[in-house]
Amino acid sequence: MRRDEKEIRNYIKSIKELKISEEKEKKAVQAAKEAFYEGEQKRSLSSFEFLYEQSRYIQKRWWILQAAVLMGLWWFLVYTESGEYVKKGMGMAASLFAVLIMPELWKNRNTGAMEIEGTTFYTLRQVYAARLMAFALADGFLLGIFFAAASFSGRLTLWEAVVQFFIPFNISCCICFGTLYSRKTGSEVFSVFLCMIWDAVWFLFLLQKQIYEAVTKPVWAVIFISSVLYLFYCIGRGQKKWRQIWEGQMLWS
């Protein structure tokens, strides 16, 4: 054996026998993480760029289906003689409109990709916040066009929109996000099932004309505001406790 080969073998052997303290190993790993994070920070996307990139991952068919729901509802309001019955059925359309948001938000959890996404540079909270913002902007645009068209045709007032559409829509969203951010009842099918039960309860309530008409505007206003606040609470709680709920951890955290 040549001398240089022998020296190399002895050096490798000495390295293998070298014991590195656990504390120094942790410091080295932490330093590597910080160096990687610092390098990524220098070329990170702006908020608008990040929002745009996340919106590209959303399948546009869900927005098309949402638009189709609103177009169908507008057609029934304008071109049928049973306007009052259509208005009372808006709650089911609102629930369907809300449910169509969920497949895109559920797909990573359904396919078991949460751990993979948890190792990316951006946190799950940032990713889902961007996707929620993309849906909020798109849905706000669609709803704005729908209610402007319905109001212009004289078929729907703002108050009717609040009671007949936004209250059931908000509660359906609360159900969907409540199950999405739940560790125990996390199931897309279960979420849809609960929304169907809510639709049935809402429709049965509307059929009780005497009870429905007895509810005053201040009561409806309280219900609407409460539904909005609880919806923000559900989303905020999920965004705040995403790590405990989904058990996905960033590589360097």
C-alpha atoms as a PDB file:
ATOM      1  CA  MET A   1       0.000   0.000   0.000  1.00  0.00           C
ATOM      2  CA  ARG A   2       1.334   3.407  -0.898  1.00  0.00           C
ATOM      3  CA  ARG A   3       2.171   5.836   1.867  1.00  0.00           C
ATOM      4  CA  ASP A   4      -0.347   8.477   0.808  1.00  0.00           C
ATOM      5  CA  GLU A   5      -3.145   5.881   0.687  1.00  0.00           C
ATOM      6  CA  LYS A   6      -2.200   4.706   4.150  1.00  0.00           C
ATOM      7  CA  GLU A   7      -2.267   8.267   5.468  1.00  0.00           C
ATOM      8  CA  ILE A   8      -5.695   8.824   3.925  1.00  0.00           C
ATOM      9  CA  ARG A   9      -7.061   5.635   5.493  1.00  0.00           C
ATOM     10  CA  ASN A  10      -5.639   6.594   8.879  1.00  0.00           C
ATOM     11  CA  TYR A  11      -7.152  10.073   8.562  1.00  0.00           C
ATOM     12  CA  ILE A  12     -10.592   8.666   7.694  1.00  0.00           C
ATOM     13  CA  LYS A  13     -10.327   6.258  10.596  1.00  0.00           C
ATOM     14  CA  SER A  14      -9.455   9.078  12.990  1.00  0.00           C
ATOM     15  CA  ILE A  15     -12.467  11.105  11.773  1.00  0.00           C
ATOM     16  CA  LYS A  16     -14.807   8.165  12.363  1.00  0.00           C
ATOM     17  CA  GLU A  17     -13.469   7.806  15.889  1.00  0.00           C
ATOM     18  CA  LEU A  18     -13.841  11.521  16.526  1.00  0.00           C
ATOM     19  CA  LYS A  19     -16.821  12.210  18.776  1.00  0.00           C
ATOM     20  CA  ILE A  20     -18.751  15.415  18.131  1.00  0.00           C
ATOM     21  CA  SER A  21     -20.765  16.794  21.008  1.00  0.00           C
ATOM     22  CA  GLU A  22     -24.517  17.012  20.528  1.00  0.00           C
ATOM     23  CA  GLU A  23     -24.459  20.722  21.377  1.00  0.00           C
ATOM     24  CA  LYS A  24     -21.936  21.518  18.620  1.00  0.00           C
ATOM     25  CA  GLU A  25     -23.902  19.418  16.153  1.00  0.00           C
ATOM     26  CA  LYS A  26     -27.084  21.388  16.925  1.00  0.00           C
ATOM     27  CA  LYS A  27     -25.222  24.680  16.521  1.00  0.00           C
ATOM     28  CA  ALA A  28     -23.889  23.588  13.127  1.00  0.00           C
ATOM     29  CA  VAL A  29     -27.362  22.560  11.959  1.00  0.00           C
ATOM     30  CA  GLN A  30     -28.846  25.832  13.201  1.00  0.00           C
ATOM     31  CA  ALA A  31     -26.120  27.848  11.466  1.00  0.00           C
ATOM     32  CA  ALA A  32     -26.823  26.002   8.205  1.00  0.00           C
ATOM     33  CA  LYS A  33     -30.539  26.726   8.542  1.00  0.00           C
ATOM     34  CA  GLU A  34     -29.916  30.410   9.193  1.00  0.00           C
ATOM     35  CA  ALA A  35     -27.542  30.661   6.234  1.00  0.00           C
ATOM     36  CA  PHE A  36     -30.106  29.035   3.955  1.00  0.00           C
ATOM     37  CA  TYR A  37     -32.885  31.256   5.270  1.00  0.00           C
ATOM     38  CA  GLU A  38     -30.779  34.393   4.845  1.00  0.00           C
ATOM     39  CA  GLY A  39     -29.964  33.449   1.260  1.00  0.00           C
ATOM     40  CA  GLU A  40     -33.616  32.797   0.429  1.00  0.00           C
ATOM     41  CA  GLN A  41     -34.680  36.091   2.019  1.00  0.00           C
ATOM     42  CA  LYS A  42     -32.562  38.020  -0.474  1.00  0.00           C
ATOM     43  CA  ARG A  43     -34.528  36.623  -3.410  1.00  0.00           C
ATOM     44  CA  SER A  44     -37.973  36.275  -1.811  1.00  0.00           C
ATOM     45  CA  LEU A  45     -41.106  37.320  -3.701  1.00  0.00           C
ATOM     46  CA  SER A  46     -43.078  40.447  -2.955  1.00  0.00           C
ATOM     47  CA  SER A  47     -46.545  40.027  -1.435  1.00  0.00           C
ATOM     48  CA  PHE A  48     -48.243  40.652  -4.779  1.00  0.00           C
ATOM     49  CA  GLU A  49     -45.925  38.232  -6.612  1.00  0.00           C
ATOM     50  CA  PHE A  50     -46.512  35.553  -3.988  1.00  0.00           C
ATOM     51  CA  LEU A  51     -50.296  36.052  -4.213  1.00  0.00           C
ATOM     52  CA  TYR A  52     -50.141  35.813  -8.003  1.00  0.00           C
ATOM     53  CA  GLU A  53     -48.024  32.654  -7.917  1.00  0.00           C
ATOM     54  CA  GLN A  54     -50.398  30.961  -5.457  1.00  0.00           C
ATOM     55  CA  SER A  55     -53.439  31.935  -7.529  1.00  0.00           C
ATOM     56  CA  ARG A  56     -51.889  30.090 -10.484  1.00  0.00           C
ATOM     57  CA  TYR A  57     -52.063  26.829  -8.525  1.00  0.00           C
ATOM     58  CA  ILE A  58     -55.831  27.173  -8.073  1.00  0.00           C
ATOM     59  CA  GLN A  59     -57.831  25.297 -10.694  1.00  0.00           C
ATOM     60  CA  LYS A  60     -59.979  27.883 -12.416  1.00  0.00           C
ATOM     61  CA  ARG A  61     -62.875  25.464 -12.904  1.00  0.00           C
ATOM     62  CA  TRP A  62     -64.060  26.208  -9.361  1.00  0.00           C
ATOM     63  CA  TRP A  63     -64.436  29.894 -10.168  1.00  0.00           C
ATOM     64  CA  ILE A  64     -66.230  28.963 -13.389  1.00  0.00           C
ATOM     65  CA  LEU A  65     -68.646  26.767 -11.417  1.00  0.00           C
ATOM     66  CA  GLN A  66     -69.200  29.542  -8.881  1.00  0.00           C
ATOM     67  CA  ALA A  67     -69.966  31.954 -11.711  1.00  0.00           C
ATOM     68  CA  ALA A  68     -72.386  29.390 -13.178  1.00  0.00           C
ATOM     69  CA  VAL A  69     -74.223  29.145  -9.836  1.00  0.00           C
ATOM     70  CA  LEU A  70     -74.658  32.922  -9.695  1.00  0.00           C
ATOM     71  CA  MET A  71     -75.705  33.144 -13.345  1.00  0.00           C
ATOM     72  CA  GLY A  72     -78.341  30.459 -12.790  1.00  0.00           C
ATOM     73  CA  LEU A  73     -79.610  32.237  -9.695  1.00  0.00           C
ATOM     74  CA  TRP A  74     -79.784  35.571 -11.540  1.00  0.00           C
ATOM     75  CA  TRP A  75     -81.698  33.958 -14.421  1.00  0.00           C
ATOM     76  CA  PHE A  76     -84.295  32.511 -12.031  1.00  0.00           C
ATOM     77  CA  LEU A  77     -84.653  35.864 -10.276  1.00  0.00           C
ATOM     78  CA  VAL A  78     -85.134  37.860 -13.487  1.00  0.00           C
ATOM     79  CA  TYR A  79     -86.955  35.525 -15.845  1.00  0.00           C
ATOM     80  CA  THR A  80     -89.316  33.564 -13.612  1.00  0.00           C
ATOM     81  CA  GLU A  81     -92.513  34.673 -11.939  1.00  0.00           C
ATOM     82  CA  SER A  82     -91.748  32.907  -8.655  1.00  0.00           C
ATOM     83  CA  GLY A  83     -89.319  35.532  -7.380  1.00  0.00           C
ATOM     84  CA  GLU A  84     -90.165  35.132  -3.690  1.00  0.00           C
ATOM     85  CA  TYR A  85     -89.587  31.381  -3.800  1.00  0.00           C
ATOM     86  CA  VAL A  86     -86.314  31.886  -5.643  1.00  0.00           C
ATOM     87  CA  LYS A  87     -85.168  34.356  -2.991  1.00  0.00           C
ATOM     88  CA  LYS A  88     -85.913  31.822  -0.277  1.00  0.00           C
ATOM     89  CA  GLY A  89     -83.930  29.252  -2.231  1.00  0.00           C
ATOM     90  CA  MET A  90     -80.911  31.558  -2.420  1.00  0.00           C
ATOM     91  CA  GLY A  91     -79.618  30.025   0.797  1.00  0.00           C
ATOM     92  CA  MET A  92     -78.975  26.695  -0.927  1.00  0.00           C
ATOM     93  CA  ALA A  93     -77.203  28.464  -3.792  1.00  0.00           C
ATOM     94  CA  ALA A  94     -75.134  30.380  -1.234  1.00  0.00           C
ATOM     95  CA  SER A  95     -74.160  27.147   0.503  1.00  0.00           C
ATOM     96  CA  LEU A  96     -73.143  25.576  -2.819  1.00  0.00           C
ATOM     97  CA  PHE A  97     -71.150  28.713  -3.664  1.00  0.00           C
ATOM     98  CA  ALA A  98     -69.272  28.307  -0.359  1.00  0.00           C
ATOM     99  CA  VAL A  99     -68.683  24.568  -0.789  1.00  0.00           C
ATOM    100  CA  LEU A 100     -67.048  25.152  -4.190  1.00  0.00           C
ATOM    101  CA  ILE A 101     -64.242  26.996  -2.396  1.00  0.00           C
ATOM    102  CA  MET A 102     -63.223  23.943  -0.415  1.00  0.00           C
ATOM    103  CA  PRO A 103     -61.791  21.436  -2.953  1.00  0.00           C
ATOM    104  CA  GLU A 104     -58.778  23.673  -3.627  1.00  0.00           C
ATOM    105  CA  LEU A 105     -58.150  24.206   0.076  1.00  0.00           C
ATOM    106  CA  TRP A 106     -58.626  20.522   0.869  1.00  0.00           C
ATOM    107  CA  LYS A 107     -56.561  18.982  -1.919  1.00  0.00           C
ATOM    108  CA  ASN A 108     -53.192  19.076  -0.138  1.00  0.00           C
ATOM    109  CA  ARG A 109     -54.663  17.527   2.975  1.00  0.00           C
ATOM    110  CA  ASN A 110     -56.561  14.868   1.017  1.00  0.00           C
ATOM    111  CA  THR A 111     -53.452  13.860  -0.941  1.00  0.00           C
ATOM    112  CA  GLY A 112     -51.219  13.819   2.145  1.00  0.00           C
ATOM    113  CA  ALA A 113     -49.041  16.645   0.843  1.00  0.00           C
ATOM    114  CA  MET A 114     -49.087  18.715   4.039  1.00  0.00           C
ATOM    115  CA  GLU A 115     -45.676  17.431   5.183  1.00  0.00           C
ATOM    116  CA  ILE A 116     -44.138  18.234   1.792  1.00  0.00           C
ATOM    117  CA  GLU A 117     -45.575  21.733   1.788  1.00  0.00           C
ATOM    118  CA  GLY A 118     -44.406  22.115   5.377  1.00  0.00           C
ATOM    119  CA  THR A 119     -40.767  21.875   4.221  1.00  0.00           C
ATOM    120  CA  THR A 120     -41.039  24.743   1.739  1.00  0.00           C
ATOM    121  CA  PHE A 121     -39.571  28.196   2.259  1.00  0.00           C
ATOM    122  CA  TYR A 122     -43.009  29.723   2.861  1.00  0.00           C
ATOM    123  CA  THR A 123     -45.077  28.481   5.774  1.00  0.00           C
ATOM    124  CA  LEU A 124     -48.423  26.740   5.400  1.00  0.00           C
ATOM    125  CA  ARG A 125     -49.972  29.786   7.021  1.00  0.00           C
ATOM    126  CA  GLN A 126     -48.575  32.057   4.294  1.00  0.00           C
ATOM    127  CA  VAL A 127     -49.610  29.655   1.519  1.00  0.00           C
ATOM    128  CA  TYR A 128     -53.174  29.290   2.756  1.00  0.00           C
ATOM    129  CA  ALA A 129     -53.483  32.993   3.538  1.00  0.00           C
ATOM    130  CA  ALA A 130     -52.543  33.756  -0.082  1.00  0.00           C
ATOM    131  CA  ARG A 131     -55.014  31.214  -1.450  1.00  0.00           C
ATOM    132  CA  LEU A 132     -57.779  32.508   0.800  1.00  0.00           C
ATOM    133  CA  MET A 133     -57.024  36.041  -0.371  1.00  0.00           C
ATOM    134  CA  ALA A 134     -57.161  34.894  -4.013  1.00  0.00           C
ATOM    135  CA  PHE A 135     -60.565  33.298  -3.420  1.00  0.00           C
ATOM    136  CA  ALA A 136     -61.791  36.355  -1.512  1.00  0.00           C
ATOM    137  CA  LEU A 137     -60.838  38.681  -4.378  1.00  0.00           C
ATOM    138  CA  ALA A 138     -62.315  36.430  -7.072  1.00  0.00           C
ATOM    139  CA  ASP A 139     -65.514  35.715  -5.123  1.00  0.00           C
ATOM    140  CA  GLY A 140     -65.906  39.371  -4.220  1.00  0.00           C
ATOM    141  CA  PHE A 141     -65.668  40.245  -7.906  1.00  0.00           C
ATOM    142  CA  LEU A 142     -68.248  37.590  -8.892  1.00  0.00           C
ATOM    143  CA  LEU A 143     -70.658  38.529  -6.109  1.00  0.00           C
ATOM    144  CA  GLY A 144     -70.294  42.226  -6.903  1.00  0.00           C
ATOM    145  CA  ILE A 145     -71.327  41.638 -10.508  1.00  0.00           C
ATOM    146  CA  PHE A 146     -74.215  39.378  -9.471  1.00  0.00           C
ATOM    147  CA  PHE A 147     -75.716  41.738  -6.903  1.00  0.00           C
ATOM    148  CA  ALA A 148     -75.224  44.763  -9.141  1.00  0.00           C
ATOM    149  CA  ALA A 149     -77.100  42.986 -11.949  1.00  0.00           C
ATOM    150  CA  ALA A 150     -79.836  41.720  -9.606  1.00  0.00           C
ATOM    151  CA  SER A 151     -80.294  45.142  -8.002  1.00  0.00           C
ATOM    152  CA  PHE A 152     -80.289  46.926 -11.373  1.00  0.00           C
ATOM    153  CA  SER A 153     -83.090  44.632 -12.553  1.00  0.00           C
ATOM    154  CA  GLY A 154     -85.085  45.533  -9.432  1.00  0.00           C
ATOM    155  CA  ARG A 155     -85.361  41.902  -8.328  1.00  0.00           C
ATOM    156  CA  LEU A 156     -83.237  42.041  -5.207  1.00  0.00           C
ATOM    157  CA  THR A 157     -82.597  44.603  -2.480  1.00  0.00           C
ATOM    158  CA  LEU A 158     -79.461  44.865  -0.380  1.00  0.00           C
ATOM    159  CA  TRP A 159     -81.344  43.753   2.727  1.00  0.00           C
ATOM    160  CA  GLU A 160     -82.724  40.690   0.953  1.00  0.00           C
ATOM    161  CA  ALA A 161     -79.202  39.823  -0.176  1.00  0.00           C
ATOM    162  CA  VAL A 162     -77.945  40.014   3.417  1.00  0.00           C
ATOM    163  CA  VAL A 163     -80.718  37.829   4.852  1.00  0.00           C
ATOM    164  CA  GLN A 164     -81.275  35.370   2.014  1.00  0.00           C
ATOM    165  CA  PHE A 165     -77.706  34.951   0.747  1.00  0.00           C
ATOM    166  CA  PHE A 166     -74.969  36.197   3.048  1.00  0.00           C
ATOM    167  CA  ILE A 167     -76.236  34.730   6.320  1.00  0.00           C
ATOM    168  CA  PRO A 168     -76.469  31.158   4.947  1.00  0.00           C
ATOM    169  CA  PHE A 169     -73.240  31.732   2.993  1.00  0.00           C
ATOM    170  CA  ASN A 170     -71.339  32.842   6.100  1.00  0.00           C
ATOM    171  CA  ILE A 171     -72.616  29.929   8.181  1.00  0.00           C
ATOM    172  CA  SER A 172     -71.719  27.447   5.419  1.00  0.00           C
ATOM    173  CA  CYS A 173     -68.214  28.947   5.309  1.00  0.00           C
ATOM    174  CA  CYS A 174     -67.960  28.595   9.103  1.00  0.00           C
ATOM    175  CA  ILE A 175     -68.840  24.903   8.769  1.00  0.00           C
ATOM    176  CA  CYS A 176     -66.328  24.371   5.962  1.00  0.00           C
ATOM    177  CA  PHE A 177     -63.429  26.159   7.639  1.00  0.00           C
ATOM    178  CA  GLY A 178     -64.300  24.651  11.013  1.00  0.00           C
ATOM    179  CA  THR A 179     -63.823  21.148   9.587  1.00  0.00           C
ATOM    180  CA  LEU A 180     -60.821  22.142   7.455  1.00  0.00           C
ATOM    181  CA  TYR A 181     -58.954  23.403  10.513  1.00  0.00           C
ATOM    182  CA  SER A 182     -60.040  20.513  12.735  1.00  0.00           C
ATOM    183  CA  ARG A 183     -57.758  17.628  13.680  1.00  0.00           C
ATOM    184  CA  LYS A 184     -60.597  15.283  14.662  1.00  0.00           C
ATOM    185  CA  THR A 185     -63.332  15.938  12.095  1.00  0.00           C
ATOM    186  CA  GLY A 186     -61.150  16.823   9.123  1.00  0.00           C
ATOM    187  CA  SER A 187     -63.108  15.440   6.176  1.00  0.00           C
ATOM    188  CA  GLU A 188     -64.260  17.177   3.024  1.00  0.00           C
ATOM    189  CA  VAL A 189     -67.226  14.794   2.704  1.00  0.00           C
ATOM    190  CA  PHE A 190     -68.192  15.430   6.317  1.00  0.00           C
ATOM    191  CA  SER A 191     -68.009  19.169   5.656  1.00  0.00           C
ATOM    192  CA  VAL A 192     -70.374  18.872   2.668  1.00  0.00           C
ATOM    193  CA  PHE A 193     -72.698  16.659   4.727  1.00  0.00           C
ATOM    194  CA  LEU A 194     -72.917  19.293   7.478  1.00  0.00           C
ATOM    195  CA  CYS A 195     -73.627  21.981   4.877  1.00  0.00           C
ATOM    196  CA  MET A 196     -76.471  19.863   3.502  1.00  0.00           C
ATOM    197  CA  ILE A 197     -77.946  19.538   6.988  1.00  0.00           C
ATOM    198  CA  TRP A 198     -77.635  23.299   7.417  1.00  0.00           C
ATOM    199  CA  ASP A 199     -79.414  23.822   4.073  1.00  0.00           C
ATOM    200  CA  ALA A 200     -82.286  21.619   5.223  1.00  0.00           C
ATOM    201  CA  VAL A 201     -82.586  23.458   8.547  1.00  0.00           C
ATOM    202  CA  TRP A 202     -82.521  26.852   6.814  1.00  0.00           C
ATOM    203  CA  PHE A 203     -85.106  25.810   4.232  1.00  0.00           C
ATOM    204  CA  LEU A 204     -87.453  24.390   6.891  1.00  0.00           C
ATOM    205  CA  PHE A 205     -87.120  27.638   8.821  1.00  0.00           C
ATOM    206  CA  LEU A 206     -88.067  29.670   5.745  1.00  0.00           C
ATOM    207  CA  LEU A 207     -91.138  27.487   5.221  1.00  0.00           C
ATOM    208  CA  GLN A 208     -92.391  28.536   8.649  1.00  0.00           C
ATOM    209  CA  LYS A 209     -93.658  31.845   7.321  1.00  0.00           C
ATOM    210  CA  GLN A 210     -95.116  33.005  10.621  1.00  0.00           C
ATOM    211  CA  ILE A 211     -91.840  32.480  12.468  1.00  0.00           C
ATOM    212  CA  TYR A 212     -89.738  33.886   9.613  1.00  0.00           C
ATOM    213  CA  GLU A 213     -91.752  37.109   9.432  1.00  0.00           C
ATOM    214  CA  ALA A 214     -91.615  37.484  13.211  1.00  0.00           C
ATOM    215  CA  VAL A 215     -87.834  37.934  13.113  1.00  0.00           C
ATOM    216  CA  THR A 216     -87.142  41.661  13.151  1.00  0.00           C
ATOM    217  CA  LYS A 217     -84.421  43.522  11.268  1.00  0.00           C
ATOM    218  CA  PRO A 218     -82.273  44.122  14.379  1.00  0.00           C
ATOM    219  CA  VAL A 219     -82.281  40.375  15.056  1.00  0.00           C
ATOM    220  CA  TRP A 220     -81.260  39.636  11.469  1.00  0.00           C
ATOM    221  CA  ALA A 221     -78.515  42.262  11.775  1.00  0.00           C
ATOM    222  CA  VAL A 222     -77.189  40.598  14.944  1.00  0.00           C
ATOM    223  CA  ILE A 223     -77.230  37.181  13.244  1.00  0.00           C
ATOM    224  CA  PHE A 224     -75.397  38.557  10.211  1.00  0.00           C
ATOM    225  CA  ILE A 225     -72.718  40.350  12.245  1.00  0.00           C
ATOM    226  CA  SER A 226     -72.268  37.297  14.484  1.00  0.00           C
ATOM    227  CA  SER A 227     -71.825  35.034  11.454  1.00  0.00           C
ATOM    228  CA  VAL A 228     -69.191  37.379   9.995  1.00  0.00           C
ATOM    229  CA  LEU A 229     -67.286  37.585  13.288  1.00  0.00           C
ATOM    230  CA  TYR A 230     -67.378  33.831  13.810  1.00  0.00           C
ATOM    231  CA  LEU A 231     -66.185  33.250  10.244  1.00  0.00           C
ATOM    232  CA  PHE A 232     -63.187  35.519  10.858  1.00  0.00           C
ATOM    233  CA  TYR A 233     -62.594  33.681  14.136  1.00  0.00           C
ATOM    234  CA  CYS A 234     -62.577  30.276  12.384  1.00  0.00           C
ATOM    235  CA  ILE A 235     -60.129  31.452   9.729  1.00  0.00           C
ATOM    236  CA  GLY A 236     -57.958  33.352  12.220  1.00  0.00           C
ATOM    237  CA  ARG A 237     -57.807  30.390  14.602  1.00  0.00           C
ATOM    238  CA  GLY A 238     -56.827  28.063  11.782  1.00  0.00           C
ATOM    239  CA  GLN A 239     -54.138  30.430  10.537  1.00  0.00           C
ATOM    240  CA  LYS A 240     -52.795  30.933  14.045  1.00  0.00           C
ATOM    241  CA  LYS A 241     -52.735  27.252  15.061  1.00  0.00           C
ATOM    242  CA  TRP A 242     -51.945  25.671  11.698  1.00  0.00           C
ATOM    243  CA  ARG A 243     -48.889  23.837  13.067  1.00  0.00           C
ATOM    244  CA  GLN A 244     -50.775  22.038  15.853  1.00  0.00           C
ATOM    245  CA  ILE A 245     -53.760  21.286  13.622  1.00  0.00           C
ATOM    246  CA  TRP A 246     -51.961  19.928  10.551  1.00  0.00           C
ATOM    247  CA  GLU A 247     -48.754  18.744  12.236  1.00  0.00           C
ATOM    248  CA  GLY A 248     -46.699  20.099   9.349  1.00  0.00           C
ATOM    249  CA  GLN A 249     -43.380  21.682  10.323  1.00  0.00           C
ATOM    250  CA  MET A 250     -41.017  23.871   8.386  1.00  0.00           C
ATOM    251  CA  LEU A 251     -37.586  22.424   7.788  1.00  0.00           C
ATOM    252  CA  TRP A 252     -35.745  25.170   9.677  1.00  0.00           C
ATOM    253  CA  SER A 253     -38.245  25.916  12.472  1.00  0.00           C
END
